[in-house]
Amino acid sequence: MIVVPYERLGASTLRAVVEEFVLREGTDYGDQTISLDTKVTQVERQLQRGEVVITYDESLETCTLMRERDYRSWLQKKP
């Protein structure tokens, strides 16, 4: 698994990756309804701050987002 710098993705590709992740994650916000655009913007800001990274699994040919600290932890456990 490798990190794909979000800056290397075109705007529409980045948006599609983040949207797919947000829709897949299915989060419960209680009584609040949060729009897809707001959720996408929140994730994009996390990417910009370095809190979240885009990862690509070469063997599965898939990408996902994960917290940067979780990625670092995964790297340390990797044989």
N, C-alpha and C. Protein backbone atom coordinates (compact mmCIF):
# COMPACT_ATOMS: atom_id res chain seq x y z
N MET A 1 0.85 -1.16 0.00
CA MET A 1 0.00 0.00 0.00
C MET A 1 0.90 1.23 0.00
N ILE A 2 0.57 2.17 -0.86
CA ILE A 2 1.35 3.39 -0.97
C ILE A 2 0.43 4.60 -0.79
N VAL A 3 1.03 5.73 -0.43
CA VAL A 3 0.27 6.97 -0.32
C VAL A 3 0.31 7.69 -1.65
N VAL A 4 -0.85 8.15 -2.09
CA VAL A 4 -0.96 8.95 -3.30
C VAL A 4 -1.18 10.40 -2.87
N PRO A 5 -0.23 11.28 -3.14
CA PRO A 5 -0.43 12.68 -2.76
C PRO A 5 -1.69 13.25 -3.43
N TYR A 6 -2.57 13.80 -2.63
CA TYR A 6 -3.84 14.29 -3.19
C TYR A 6 -3.61 15.38 -4.23
N GLU A 7 -2.49 16.10 -4.11
CA GLU A 7 -2.20 17.17 -5.05
C GLU A 7 -1.94 16.65 -6.47
N ARG A 8 -1.62 15.38 -6.59
CA ARG A 8 -1.32 14.80 -7.91
C ARG A 8 -2.59 14.42 -8.67
N LEU A 9 -3.73 14.44 -7.98
CA LEU A 9 -4.99 14.09 -8.63
C LEU A 9 -5.65 15.36 -9.17
N GLY A 10 -6.28 15.22 -10.31
CA GLY A 10 -7.08 16.32 -10.84
C GLY A 10 -8.26 16.58 -9.93
N ALA A 11 -8.81 17.77 -10.01
CA ALA A 11 -9.91 18.16 -9.12
C ALA A 11 -11.10 17.20 -9.20
N SER A 12 -11.48 16.80 -10.40
CA SER A 12 -12.65 15.91 -10.54
C SER A 12 -12.34 14.51 -10.03
N THR A 13 -11.11 14.05 -10.23
CA THR A 13 -10.72 12.72 -9.72
C THR A 13 -10.69 12.73 -8.20
N LEU A 14 -10.10 13.77 -7.62
CA LEU A 14 -10.06 13.89 -6.16
C LEU A 14 -11.46 13.91 -5.59
N ARG A 15 -12.32 14.69 -6.19
CA ARG A 15 -13.71 14.77 -5.72
C ARG A 15 -14.37 13.40 -5.79
N ALA A 16 -14.16 12.66 -6.87
CA ALA A 16 -14.77 11.34 -7.02
C ALA A 16 -14.25 10.37 -5.96
N VAL A 17 -12.96 10.40 -5.68
CA VAL A 17 -12.37 9.52 -4.66
C VAL A 17 -12.95 9.85 -3.29
N VAL A 18 -13.01 11.14 -2.96
CA VAL A 18 -13.53 11.54 -1.65
C VAL A 18 -15.02 11.23 -1.54
N GLU A 19 -15.79 11.51 -2.58
CA GLU A 19 -17.23 11.19 -2.56
C GLU A 19 -17.46 9.71 -2.35
N GLU A 20 -16.73 8.89 -3.08
CA GLU A 20 -16.90 7.44 -2.96
C GLU A 20 -16.60 7.00 -1.53
N PHE A 21 -15.56 7.55 -0.94
CA PHE A 21 -15.21 7.21 0.44
C PHE A 21 -16.32 7.65 1.40
N VAL A 22 -16.77 8.88 1.27
CA VAL A 22 -17.80 9.41 2.16
C VAL A 22 -19.07 8.58 2.05
N LEU A 23 -19.48 8.25 0.85
CA LEU A 23 -20.71 7.47 0.65
C LEU A 23 -20.56 6.04 1.17
N ARG A 24 -19.36 5.50 1.05
CA ARG A 24 -19.10 4.13 1.51
C ARG A 24 -19.08 4.04 3.03
N GLU A 25 -18.59 5.08 3.69
CA GLU A 25 -18.41 5.06 5.14
C GLU A 25 -19.72 5.11 5.91
N GLY A 26 -20.75 5.74 5.39
CA GLY A 26 -22.05 5.79 6.06
C GLY A 26 -21.95 6.18 7.52
N THR A 27 -21.93 7.46 7.80
CA THR A 27 -21.76 7.95 9.15
C THR A 27 -23.09 8.42 9.73
N ASP A 28 -23.28 8.18 11.01
CA ASP A 28 -24.49 8.63 11.70
C ASP A 28 -24.20 9.97 12.37
N TYR A 29 -24.92 11.00 11.97
CA TYR A 29 -24.74 12.33 12.54
C TYR A 29 -25.87 12.68 13.50
N GLY A 30 -26.62 11.69 13.95
CA GLY A 30 -27.69 11.96 14.90
C GLY A 30 -28.82 12.75 14.25
N ASP A 31 -29.25 13.80 14.94
CA ASP A 31 -30.37 14.61 14.45
C ASP A 31 -29.97 15.54 13.32
N GLN A 32 -28.67 15.71 13.09
CA GLN A 32 -28.20 16.61 12.05
C GLN A 32 -28.18 15.92 10.69
N THR A 33 -28.52 16.69 9.68
CA THR A 33 -28.37 16.21 8.32
C THR A 33 -27.25 17.03 7.70
N ILE A 34 -26.22 16.35 7.24
CA ILE A 34 -25.08 17.02 6.65
C ILE A 34 -25.02 16.65 5.17
N SER A 35 -24.93 17.65 4.32
CA SER A 35 -24.96 17.42 2.88
C SER A 35 -23.68 16.72 2.42
N LEU A 36 -23.77 16.08 1.28
CA LEU A 36 -22.61 15.42 0.69
C LEU A 36 -21.50 16.44 0.45
N ASP A 37 -21.85 17.61 -0.05
CA ASP A 37 -20.85 18.65 -0.31
C ASP A 37 -20.10 19.03 0.96
N THR A 38 -20.82 19.16 2.07
CA THR A 38 -20.17 19.52 3.33
C THR A 38 -19.23 18.41 3.79
N LYS A 39 -19.67 17.17 3.68
CA LYS A 39 -18.82 16.04 4.08
C LYS A 39 -17.56 15.99 3.22
N VAL A 40 -17.72 16.18 1.91
CA VAL A 40 -16.58 16.16 0.99
C VAL A 40 -15.60 17.29 1.35
N THR A 41 -16.13 18.47 1.62
CA THR A 41 -15.28 19.60 1.99
C THR A 41 -14.52 19.30 3.28
N GLN A 42 -15.17 18.68 4.25
CA GLN A 42 -14.50 18.33 5.50
C GLN A 42 -13.34 17.37 5.26
N VAL A 43 -13.55 16.37 4.44
CA VAL A 43 -12.50 15.40 4.14
C VAL A 43 -11.37 16.06 3.35
N GLU A 44 -11.71 16.90 2.39
CA GLU A 44 -10.67 17.60 1.62
C GLU A 44 -9.80 18.45 2.54
N ARG A 45 -10.38 19.09 3.52
CA ARG A 45 -9.61 19.88 4.48
C ARG A 45 -8.69 19.00 5.32
N GLN A 46 -9.18 17.82 5.68
CA GLN A 46 -8.35 16.87 6.43
C GLN A 46 -7.16 16.43 5.57
N LEU A 47 -7.38 16.25 4.29
CA LEU A 47 -6.28 15.91 3.38
C LEU A 47 -5.27 17.05 3.33
N GLN A 48 -5.74 18.27 3.22
CA GLN A 48 -4.86 19.43 3.15
C GLN A 48 -4.03 19.60 4.43
N ARG A 49 -4.64 19.28 5.58
CA ARG A 49 -3.92 19.40 6.86
C ARG A 49 -3.01 18.21 7.12
N GLY A 50 -3.09 17.17 6.28
CA GLY A 50 -2.26 15.99 6.46
C GLY A 50 -2.79 15.01 7.49
N GLU A 51 -4.03 15.18 7.90
CA GLU A 51 -4.64 14.28 8.88
C GLU A 51 -5.10 12.98 8.23
N VAL A 52 -5.40 13.05 6.94
CA VAL A 52 -5.92 11.93 6.17
C VAL A 52 -5.05 11.78 4.93
N VAL A 53 -4.81 10.54 4.51
CA VAL A 53 -4.06 10.28 3.28
C VAL A 53 -4.86 9.37 2.37
N ILE A 54 -4.57 9.47 1.09
CA ILE A 54 -5.16 8.56 0.10
C ILE A 54 -4.16 7.43 -0.08
N THR A 55 -4.63 6.21 0.08
CA THR A 55 -3.75 5.06 -0.09
C THR A 55 -4.21 4.25 -1.30
N TYR A 56 -3.24 3.61 -1.93
CA TYR A 56 -3.51 2.76 -3.09
C TYR A 56 -2.91 1.39 -2.82
N ASP A 57 -3.74 0.36 -2.92
CA ASP A 57 -3.30 -1.02 -2.74
C ASP A 57 -3.04 -1.60 -4.12
N GLU A 58 -1.78 -1.80 -4.43
CA GLU A 58 -1.40 -2.28 -5.77
C GLU A 58 -1.93 -3.67 -6.07
N SER A 59 -1.97 -4.53 -5.06
CA SER A 59 -2.43 -5.90 -5.30
C SER A 59 -3.93 -5.96 -5.58
N LEU A 60 -4.71 -5.11 -4.93
CA LEU A 60 -6.16 -5.08 -5.14
C LEU A 60 -6.59 -4.04 -6.16
N GLU A 61 -5.66 -3.15 -6.53
CA GLU A 61 -5.94 -2.06 -7.44
C GLU A 61 -7.12 -1.21 -6.95
N THR A 62 -7.06 -0.86 -5.66
CA THR A 62 -8.10 -0.03 -5.05
C THR A 62 -7.45 1.09 -4.25
N CYS A 63 -8.22 2.13 -4.05
CA CYS A 63 -7.72 3.21 -3.20
C CYS A 63 -8.76 3.49 -2.11
N THR A 64 -8.27 4.05 -1.02
CA THR A 64 -9.14 4.45 0.07
C THR A 64 -8.47 5.58 0.83
N LEU A 65 -9.17 6.12 1.78
CA LEU A 65 -8.61 7.15 2.63
C LEU A 65 -8.45 6.57 4.02
N MET A 66 -7.40 6.99 4.70
CA MET A 66 -7.21 6.58 6.08
C MET A 66 -6.51 7.68 6.85
N ARG A 67 -6.71 7.66 8.16
CA ARG A 67 -6.02 8.65 8.98
C ARG A 67 -4.52 8.44 8.83
N GLU A 68 -3.79 9.52 8.78
CA GLU A 68 -2.35 9.45 8.59
C GLU A 68 -1.70 8.65 9.70
N ARG A 69 -2.14 8.81 10.92
CA ARG A 69 -1.54 8.06 12.04
C ARG A 69 -1.82 6.56 11.92
N ASP A 70 -2.97 6.20 11.36
CA ASP A 70 -3.26 4.78 11.15
C ASP A 70 -2.35 4.21 10.06
N TYR A 71 -2.08 5.02 9.04
CA TYR A 71 -1.17 4.57 7.98
C TYR A 71 0.23 4.36 8.55
N ARG A 72 0.72 5.30 9.37
CA ARG A 72 2.04 5.15 9.99
C ARG A 72 2.10 3.90 10.86
N SER A 73 1.03 3.64 11.60
CA SER A 73 0.96 2.44 12.44
C SER A 73 1.00 1.18 11.57
N TRP A 74 0.27 1.20 10.48
CA TRP A 74 0.26 0.06 9.56
C TRP A 74 1.67 -0.19 9.02
N LEU A 75 2.37 0.89 8.66
CA LEU A 75 3.75 0.75 8.14
C LEU A 75 4.68 0.10 9.16
N GLN A 76 4.52 0.45 10.42
CA GLN A 76 5.38 -0.11 11.45
C GLN A 76 5.13 -1.60 11.67
N LYS A 77 3.90 -2.04 11.45
CA LYS A 77 3.54 -3.44 11.65
C LYS A 77 3.83 -4.30 10.43
N LYS A 78 4.04 -3.64 9.31
CA LYS A 78 4.26 -4.35 8.05
C LYS A 78 5.58 -5.13 8.13
N PRO A 79 5.56 -6.41 7.72
CA PRO A 79 6.79 -7.23 7.78
C PRO A 79 7.87 -6.76 6.80
